[in-house]
C-alpha atoms as a PDB file:
ATOM      1  CA  PRO A   1     -47.120-140.137 -64.152  1.00  0.00           C
ATOM      2  CA  LYS A   2     -43.295-139.505 -64.104  1.00  0.00           C
ATOM      3  CA  TYR A   3     -42.417-137.917 -60.234  1.00  0.00           C
ATOM      4  CA  ALA A   4     -39.289-135.545 -59.639  1.00  0.00           C
ATOM      5  CA  ASP A   5     -38.113-134.114 -56.172  1.00  0.00           C
ATOM      6  CA  TYR A   6     -35.405-131.750 -55.867  1.00  0.00           C
ATOM      7  CA  GLY A   7     -34.230-130.010 -52.284  1.00  0.00           C
ATOM      8  CA  THR A   8     -35.549-130.661 -48.633  1.00  0.00           C
ATOM      9  CA  LYS A   9     -39.227-131.258 -48.603  1.00  0.00           C
ATOM     10  CA  PHE A  10     -40.259-129.971 -45.359  1.00  0.00           C
ATOM     11  CA  THR A  11     -43.663-129.794 -43.555  1.00  0.00           C
ATOM     12  CA  GLU A  12     -46.039-126.331 -42.077  1.00  0.00           C
ATOM     13  CA  GLU A  13     -45.551-128.319 -38.924  1.00  0.00           C
ATOM     14  CA  GLN A  14     -41.640-127.784 -39.361  1.00  0.00           C
ATOM     15  CA  VAL A  15     -41.746-124.621 -40.195  1.00  0.00           C
ATOM     16  CA  SER A  16     -44.055-123.500 -37.109  1.00  0.00           C
ATOM     17  CA  GLN A  17     -41.357-124.363 -34.678  1.00  0.00           C
ATOM     18  CA  ILE A  18     -39.450-121.763 -35.671  1.00  0.00           C
ATOM     19  CA  GLU A  19     -39.550-119.105 -33.697  1.00  0.00           C
ATOM     20  CA  LYS A  20     -37.771-115.525 -34.168  1.00  0.00           C
ATOM     21  CA  LYS A  21     -34.978-114.697 -31.590  1.00  0.00           C
ATOM     22  CA  VAL A  22     -35.240-117.813 -29.887  1.00  0.00           C
ATOM     23  CA  THR A  23     -34.443-120.564 -32.446  1.00  0.00           C
ATOM     24  CA  THR A  24     -30.808-121.154 -33.489  1.00  0.00           C
ATOM     25  CA  LYS A  25     -28.203-122.715 -36.071  1.00  0.00           C
ATOM     26  CA  ASN A  26     -27.849-126.191 -34.223  1.00  0.00           C
ATOM     27  CA  ASP A  27     -31.854-126.321 -34.153  1.00  0.00           C
ATOM     28  CA  LEU A  28     -32.878-125.372 -37.638  1.00  0.00           C
ATOM     29  CA  ILE A  29     -30.266-128.322 -38.920  1.00  0.00           C
ATOM     30  CA  ARG A  30     -32.366-130.517 -35.895  1.00  0.00           C
ATOM     31  CA  ILE A  31     -35.391-129.645 -37.559  1.00  0.00           C
ATOM     32  CA  PHE A  32     -34.943-129.397 -41.584  1.00  0.00           C
ATOM     33  CA  GLY A  33     -31.073-130.744 -41.770  1.00  0.00           C
ATOM     34  CA  GLU A  34     -28.930-128.656 -43.960  1.00  0.00           C
ATOM     35  CA  PRO A  35     -29.990-126.083 -45.610  1.00  0.00           C
ATOM     36  CA  SER A  36     -29.908-125.646 -49.530  1.00  0.00           C
ATOM     37  CA  ILE A  37     -27.986-122.216 -49.709  1.00  0.00           C
ATOM     38  CA  LYS A  38     -25.462-120.726 -46.919  1.00  0.00           C
ATOM     39  CA  THR A  39     -24.819-116.937 -47.965  1.00  0.00           C
ATOM     40  CA  VAL A  40     -22.761-114.735 -45.435  1.00  0.00           C
ATOM     41  CA  ILE A  41     -24.704-111.175 -45.658  1.00  0.00           C
ATOM     42  CA  SER A  42     -22.366-109.463 -42.692  1.00  0.00           C
ATOM     43  CA  GLU A  43     -19.860-110.210 -40.149  1.00  0.00           C
ATOM     44  CA  THR A  44     -22.337-111.722 -37.916  1.00  0.00           C
ATOM     45  CA  GLY A  45     -25.304-112.442 -40.439  1.00  0.00           C
ATOM     46  CA  GLU A  46     -26.212-115.024 -42.383  1.00  0.00           C
ATOM     47  CA  LYS A  47     -29.175-116.185 -44.804  1.00  0.00           C
ATOM     48  CA  TRP A  48     -30.233-119.521 -44.799  1.00  0.00           C
ATOM     49  CA  VAL A  49     -32.196-121.175 -47.606  1.00  0.00           C
ATOM     50  CA  TYR A  50     -34.300-124.265 -48.107  1.00  0.00           C
ATOM     51  CA  SER A  51     -36.034-125.441 -50.862  1.00  0.00           C
ATOM     52  CA  TYR A  52     -37.995-127.625 -52.389  1.00  0.00           C
ATOM     53  CA  THR A  53     -39.640-128.499 -55.726  1.00  0.00           C
ATOM     54  CA  GLY A  54     -41.431-131.248 -56.870  1.00  0.00           C
ATOM     55  CA  GLY A  55     -43.949-132.548 -59.530  1.00  0.00           C
ATOM     56  CA  SER A  56     -45.117-135.061 -61.436  1.00  0.00           C
ATOM     57  CA  ALA A  57     -45.753-135.114 -65.535  1.00  0.00           C
ATOM     58  CA  SER A  58     -48.060-137.090 -67.679  1.00  0.00           C
ATOM     59  CA  SER A  59     -48.403-137.516 -71.180  1.00  0.00           C
ATOM     60  CA  GLN A  60     -51.007-139.446 -73.776  1.00  0.00           C
ATOM     61  CA  ALA A  61     -49.913-140.542 -76.992  1.00  0.00           C
ATOM     62  CA  PHE A  62     -53.146-140.544 -78.754  1.00  0.00           C
ATOM     63  CA  THR A  63     -54.052-136.652 -77.776  1.00  0.00           C
ATOM     64  CA  MET A  64     -49.866-135.542 -78.109  1.00  0.00           C
ATOM     65  CA  LYS A  65     -50.390-133.676 -74.839  1.00  0.00           C
ATOM     66  CA  THR A  66     -48.248-133.333 -72.004  1.00  0.00           C
ATOM     67  CA  THR A  67     -49.793-132.288 -68.271  1.00  0.00           C
ATOM     68  CA  SER A  68     -46.991-131.576 -65.412  1.00  0.00           C
ATOM     69  CA  ASP A  69     -48.000-130.057 -61.627  1.00  0.00           C
ATOM     70  CA  ILE A  70     -44.631-128.784 -60.569  1.00  0.00           C
ATOM     71  CA  THR A  71     -44.601-127.440 -56.548  1.00  0.00           C
ATOM     72  CA  THR A  72     -42.476-125.347 -55.233  1.00  0.00           C
ATOM     73  CA  HIS A  73     -41.934-124.817 -51.270  1.00  0.00           C
ATOM     74  CA  THR A  74     -38.836-122.323 -50.328  1.00  0.00           C
ATOM     75  CA  ILE A  75     -38.196-120.631 -46.517  1.00  0.00           C
ATOM     76  CA  ASP A  76     -35.689-117.845 -46.347  1.00  0.00           C
ATOM     77  CA  ILE A  77     -34.354-117.385 -42.858  1.00  0.00           C
ATOM     78  CA  LEU A  78     -32.135-114.628 -41.611  1.00  0.00           C
ATOM     79  CA  LEU A  79     -29.794-115.165 -38.581  1.00  0.00           C
ATOM     80  CA  GLU A  80     -27.502-112.614 -36.869  1.00  0.00           C
ATOM     81  CA  ASN A  81     -24.818-114.355 -34.317  1.00  0.00           C
ATOM     82  CA  GLY A  82     -26.248-117.808 -34.662  1.00  0.00           C
ATOM     83  CA  VAL A  83     -30.016-117.014 -34.013  1.00  0.00           C
ATOM     84  CA  VAL A  84     -33.090-116.425 -36.038  1.00  0.00           C
ATOM     85  CA  VAL A  85     -34.231-112.546 -36.816  1.00  0.00           C
ATOM     86  CA  ASN A  86     -36.784-113.185 -39.114  1.00  0.00           C
ATOM     87  CA  PHE A  87     -37.980-115.622 -42.191  1.00  0.00           C
ATOM     88  CA  ALA A  88     -40.500-115.997 -44.898  1.00  0.00           C
ATOM     89  CA  GLU A  89     -42.132-119.063 -46.260  1.00  0.00           C
ATOM     90  CA  THR A  90     -43.424-119.298 -49.804  1.00  0.00           C
ATOM     91  CA  LYS A  91     -45.234-121.852 -51.719  1.00  0.00           C
ATOM     92  CA  ASN A  92     -46.418-122.078 -55.580  1.00  0.00           C
ATOM     93  CA  LYS A  93     -47.802-124.596 -57.496  1.00  0.00           C
ATOM     94  CA  GLN A  94     -48.227-123.918 -61.219  1.00  0.00           C
ATOM     95  CA  ASN A  95     -49.998-126.513 -63.968  1.00  0.00           C
ATOM     96  CA  MET A  96     -49.008-126.493 -67.396  1.00  0.00           C
ATOM     97  CA  ASN A  97     -50.567-128.072 -70.235  1.00  0.00           C
ATOM     98  CA  MET A  98     -48.383-128.504 -73.886  1.00  0.00           C
ATOM     99  CA  SER A  99     -49.970-130.047 -76.723  1.00  0.00           C
ATOM    100  CA  VAL A 100     -48.364-130.761 -80.611  1.00  0.00           C
ATOM    101  CA  GLU A 101     -50.146-129.426 -82.926  1.00  0.00           C
END
C-alpha cells in the first residue's frame, strides 16, 4: 500500500492538554507546533486550525480494484487576547473502493 500524510499529526493526549481560559498561544505552539491556518476574526480574536489528513491506498491489477482509507483529524481553536476560549475537535474516516469495469 502507498501512504500519504498532510498537515500536523496530533493525539488525543495532546488535545486533552487544552484548557479553556488557561492555555495560551505559546502553550499551543509547544504542544502542537505552528497551526495549519491562522485567521484574525476581531481586534483581539483569532482562530487557529490544526489539521491532519493521512491515508493509504492499494490496488490489485488482476481485479482492477483500488481501495483507500483516509483519516482527517482537525481541531479548531478560538483565542481571545492570546488565550483559548473555545475549541472543537473532529475526526473522520472514509473508506473508498473503486473498480474499473
